[in-house]
Amino acid sequence: MLTFEDVTNNPQIREYIRRTEQYMKSIGYTDHGFTHVEIAARRAQELAVMAGMSKREQELAAMTGYCHDMGNFLGRTQHHYWAALLFSQVFQEQLPPIELAAAMQAIAAHDKEDVDVPSKLTACLVIADKSDVRSSRVFDKSSANLLLDIHDRVNNAVIENKLQLDAKKKIITLKLKINTSQAPVMEYFEIFSERMTYCRHSAKTLGCKFELVINDFRLL
């Protein structure tokens, strides 16, 4: 049976992630490499635990978190579909069809323009991915770049990020601390409002409520 450890140690997967990290840095995007996917994998698994999913589903959630962005080295556009196809290509002989299809669906749906959350596995991945906003995701911290690039500016302003899970109350809370001298809170909403909507829909799929707290103020 394929395990999360098998996935993280697979040389093809590691090379896809390495090339993705290299490519995204070269075109001026934030971190989509090993640090990001490790955070996404851990959070996806924690969300699956909170949602009462089976041990196997929890491990699949971690796998999809680790592999969801690896298609970026083939091109930013449609990277979620590339990643799903690469996942299938590498693991089709090691996973039963029902698990392979579920993982592919989650990876393909994690970054679609239409807010579609077809499964709990998808929901775990969406929240795990979209909640990773932090200063260390920014490669170019030069003042010139931060002035021009709102995505880098907002990420760079996030000095603390916590995803809190309350299984008893069924509340998922993303708590951020933003240095408002670097970026006003309104800029966060300007670029991330769609992602927060996706998180709300995903939380609903898990039978939970999604909350956003910025600088100790609850905004969602």
Protein backbone atom coordinates (compact mmCIF):
# COMPACT_ATOMS: atom_id res chain seq x y z
CA MET A 1 0.00 0.00 0.00
CA LEU A 2 1.35 3.40 -1.00
CA THR A 3 2.15 5.61 1.97
CA PHE A 4 2.73 9.33 2.39
CA GLU A 5 6.39 8.57 3.11
CA ASP A 6 6.62 6.71 -0.21
CA VAL A 7 5.26 9.79 -1.97
CA THR A 8 7.66 12.23 -0.29
CA ASN A 9 10.62 9.97 -1.09
CA ASN A 10 9.66 9.35 -4.72
CA PRO A 11 12.46 10.77 -6.93
CA GLN A 12 10.07 11.79 -9.73
CA ILE A 13 7.79 13.70 -7.36
CA ARG A 14 10.73 15.41 -5.70
CA GLU A 15 12.13 16.47 -9.06
CA TYR A 16 8.76 17.87 -10.18
CA ILE A 17 8.53 19.91 -6.97
CA ARG A 18 12.15 21.06 -7.27
CA ARG A 19 11.58 22.24 -10.84
CA THR A 20 8.32 23.92 -9.82
CA GLU A 21 10.11 25.83 -7.07
CA GLN A 22 12.81 26.88 -9.52
CA TYR A 23 10.35 27.89 -12.24
CA MET A 24 8.00 29.85 -9.98
CA LYS A 25 10.91 31.79 -8.53
CA SER A 26 12.17 32.61 -12.03
CA ILE A 27 8.82 34.13 -13.06
CA GLY A 28 8.43 36.16 -9.89
CA TYR A 29 5.85 34.09 -8.01
CA THR A 30 5.78 33.17 -4.34
CA ASP A 31 7.07 29.89 -2.92
CA HIS A 32 5.35 26.83 -4.40
CA GLY A 33 8.17 24.46 -3.51
CA PHE A 34 8.95 22.07 -0.69
CA THR A 35 8.11 24.39 2.21
CA HIS A 36 4.68 25.20 0.79
CA VAL A 37 3.73 21.62 -0.08
CA GLU A 38 4.91 20.31 3.28
CA ILE A 39 2.69 22.85 5.03
CA ALA A 40 -0.21 21.97 2.73
CA ALA A 41 0.28 18.25 3.35
CA ARG A 42 0.32 18.66 7.13
CA ARG A 43 -2.70 20.94 7.20
CA ALA A 44 -4.68 18.76 4.80
CA GLN A 45 -4.09 15.74 7.03
CA GLU A 46 -5.04 17.69 10.16
CA LEU A 47 -8.26 18.84 8.51
CA ALA A 48 -9.07 15.26 7.50
CA VAL A 49 -8.59 14.16 11.11
CA MET A 50 -10.87 16.95 12.31
CA ALA A 51 -13.52 15.97 9.76
CA GLY A 52 -13.54 12.38 11.06
CA MET A 53 -12.27 10.89 7.82
CA SER A 54 -10.71 7.42 7.84
CA LYS A 55 -7.00 6.86 8.48
CA ARG A 56 -6.53 6.06 4.82
CA GLU A 57 -8.32 9.23 3.74
CA GLN A 58 -6.13 11.20 6.14
CA GLU A 59 -3.05 9.80 4.42
CA LEU A 60 -4.50 10.54 0.97
CA ALA A 61 -5.11 14.12 2.11
CA ALA A 62 -1.43 14.44 2.99
CA MET A 63 -0.45 12.97 -0.39
CA THR A 64 -2.59 15.44 -2.33
CA GLY A 65 -1.25 18.32 -0.24
CA TYR A 66 2.29 17.32 -1.11
CA CYS A 67 1.63 16.89 -4.83
CA HIS A 68 -0.97 19.55 -5.63
CA ASP A 69 1.35 22.20 -7.10
CA MET A 70 3.96 20.05 -8.83
CA GLY A 71 2.47 20.71 -12.28
CA ASN A 72 3.60 24.33 -12.23
CA PHE A 73 6.94 23.55 -13.85
CA LEU A 74 5.01 22.65 -17.01
CA GLY A 75 3.29 26.05 -16.96
CA ARG A 76 1.37 28.12 -14.46
CA THR A 77 -1.86 27.99 -16.47
CA GLN A 78 -3.81 24.77 -15.80
CA HIS A 79 -1.11 23.61 -13.38
CA HIS A 80 -3.72 21.81 -11.27
CA TYR A 81 -4.61 19.56 -14.21
CA TRP A 82 -0.95 18.93 -14.99
CA ALA A 83 -0.36 17.94 -11.36
CA ALA A 84 -3.30 15.54 -11.34
CA LEU A 85 -2.07 13.86 -14.52
CA LEU A 86 1.50 13.60 -13.20
CA PHE A 87 0.19 12.07 -9.98
CA SER A 88 -1.71 9.47 -12.01
CA GLN A 89 1.28 8.74 -14.22
CA VAL A 90 3.58 8.10 -11.26
CA PHE A 91 1.21 6.19 -8.98
CA GLN A 92 -1.36 4.45 -11.19
CA GLU A 93 0.21 1.05 -10.52
CA GLN A 94 0.44 1.63 -6.76
CA LEU A 95 -3.03 2.90 -5.87
CA PRO A 96 -6.43 1.24 -6.36
CA PRO A 97 -8.59 3.11 -8.90
CA ILE A 98 -10.94 4.56 -6.26
CA GLU A 99 -8.04 6.18 -4.35
CA LEU A 100 -6.23 7.31 -7.49
CA ALA A 101 -9.36 8.96 -8.87
CA ALA A 102 -10.15 10.66 -5.55
CA ALA A 103 -6.64 12.10 -5.28
CA MET A 104 -6.64 13.24 -8.91
CA GLN A 105 -10.01 14.94 -8.45
CA ALA A 106 -8.84 16.80 -5.36
CA ILE A 107 -5.62 17.99 -7.01
CA ALA A 108 -7.44 19.08 -10.19
CA ALA A 109 -10.10 20.99 -8.24
CA HIS A 110 -7.81 22.84 -5.83
CA ASP A 111 -7.29 25.88 -8.07
CA LYS A 112 -10.26 26.01 -10.43
CA GLU A 113 -11.94 29.31 -11.24
CA ASP A 114 -15.38 27.91 -10.49
CA VAL A 115 -15.91 27.30 -6.79
CA ASP A 116 -16.51 23.57 -6.94
CA VAL A 117 -15.76 21.35 -3.94
CA PRO A 118 -16.74 17.83 -5.03
CA SER A 119 -15.43 15.92 -2.02
CA LYS A 120 -14.15 16.16 1.53
CA LEU A 121 -10.68 15.29 0.26
CA THR A 122 -10.85 18.30 -2.07
CA ALA A 123 -12.07 20.50 0.78
CA CYS A 124 -9.11 19.56 2.97
CA LEU A 125 -6.67 20.37 0.19
CA VAL A 126 -8.29 23.70 -0.72
CA ILE A 127 -8.17 25.04 2.84
CA ALA A 128 -4.65 23.69 3.42
CA ASP A 129 -3.38 25.37 0.25
CA LYS A 130 -5.24 28.69 0.40
CA SER A 131 -4.46 29.25 4.08
CA ASP A 132 -0.69 29.31 3.50
CA VAL A 133 -0.04 33.05 3.41
CA ARG A 134 3.25 34.15 5.01
CA SER A 135 6.24 36.41 4.64
CA SER A 136 8.63 33.55 3.94
CA ARG A 137 6.77 32.70 0.72
CA VAL A 138 8.21 35.87 -0.85
CA PHE A 139 11.49 35.42 -2.71
CA ASP A 140 12.12 39.02 -3.77
CA LYS A 141 11.82 41.30 -0.76
CA SER A 142 13.33 44.35 -2.43
CA SER A 143 11.42 47.57 -1.82
CA ALA A 144 11.03 48.07 -5.57
CA ASN A 145 9.36 44.68 -6.00
CA LEU A 146 7.11 45.03 -2.94
CA LEU A 147 5.95 48.42 -4.20
CA LEU A 148 4.88 46.99 -7.56
CA ASP A 149 3.72 43.44 -6.68
CA ILE A 150 0.65 43.39 -4.44
CA HIS A 151 0.80 39.60 -3.97
CA ASP A 152 4.37 39.75 -2.69
CA ARG A 153 3.57 42.84 -0.62
CA VAL A 154 0.62 41.22 1.15
CA ASN A 155 2.38 37.89 1.72
CA ASN A 156 5.42 39.71 3.05
CA ALA A 157 3.25 41.65 5.51
CA VAL A 158 1.89 38.46 7.11
CA ILE A 159 4.12 37.93 10.13
CA GLU A 160 2.06 35.19 11.79
CA ASN A 161 -0.22 32.49 10.37
CA LYS A 162 -2.14 29.92 12.41
CA LEU A 163 -4.83 27.52 11.24
CA GLN A 164 -6.87 26.60 14.31
CA LEU A 165 -9.22 23.63 14.22
CA ASP A 166 -12.02 23.26 16.77
CA ALA A 167 -13.49 19.83 16.15
CA LYS A 168 -16.06 20.18 18.94
CA LYS A 169 -17.51 23.46 17.66
CA LYS A 170 -16.75 22.55 14.03
CA ILE A 171 -14.97 25.84 13.39
CA ILE A 172 -11.88 26.30 11.20
CA THR A 173 -10.15 29.60 11.94
CA LEU A 174 -7.36 31.19 9.97
CA LYS A 175 -5.63 33.67 12.27
CA LEU A 176 -3.24 36.15 10.70
CA LYS A 177 -1.12 38.96 12.01
CA ILE A 178 -0.43 41.56 9.33
CA ASN A 179 2.06 44.38 9.54
CA THR A 180 -0.23 47.15 8.31
CA SER A 181 2.72 49.47 7.76
CA GLN A 182 3.69 47.15 4.90
CA ALA A 183 0.23 46.38 3.53
CA PRO A 184 -3.26 47.45 4.67
CA VAL A 185 -5.76 44.73 5.52
CA MET A 186 -7.90 45.86 2.59
CA GLU A 187 -5.18 44.73 0.18
CA TYR A 188 -5.44 41.22 1.62
CA PHE A 189 -9.10 41.13 0.64
CA GLU A 190 -8.34 42.68 -2.73
CA ILE A 191 -6.30 39.66 -3.78
CA PHE A 192 -7.53 36.87 -1.51
CA SER A 193 -11.31 37.36 -1.26
CA GLU A 194 -11.96 34.64 -3.85
CA ARG A 195 -9.68 32.24 -2.00
CA MET A 196 -11.46 32.91 1.28
CA THR A 197 -14.80 32.21 -0.44
CA TYR A 198 -13.33 28.90 -1.63
CA CYS A 199 -12.29 28.13 1.95
CA ARG A 200 -15.80 28.89 3.22
CA HIS A 201 -17.35 26.52 0.69
CA SER A 202 -14.76 23.87 1.54
CA ALA A 203 -15.42 24.19 5.27
CA LYS A 204 -19.12 23.75 4.57
CA THR A 205 -18.33 20.52 2.69
CA LEU A 206 -16.57 19.32 5.85
CA GLY A 207 -19.61 20.27 7.93
CA CYS A 208 -17.74 23.19 9.48
CA LYS A 209 -17.68 26.98 9.57
CA PHE A 210 -14.69 28.96 8.28
CA GLU A 211 -13.57 32.08 10.12
CA LEU A 212 -10.89 34.63 9.28
CA VAL A 213 -9.27 36.65 12.06
CA ILE A 214 -6.77 39.37 11.17
CA ASN A 215 -4.96 41.27 13.90
CA ASP A 216 -7.45 39.91 16.46
CA PHE A 217 -10.49 41.14 14.52
CA ARG A 218 -12.89 38.51 13.13
CA LEU A 219 -13.65 39.43 9.54
CA LEU A 220 -15.43 36.25 8.37
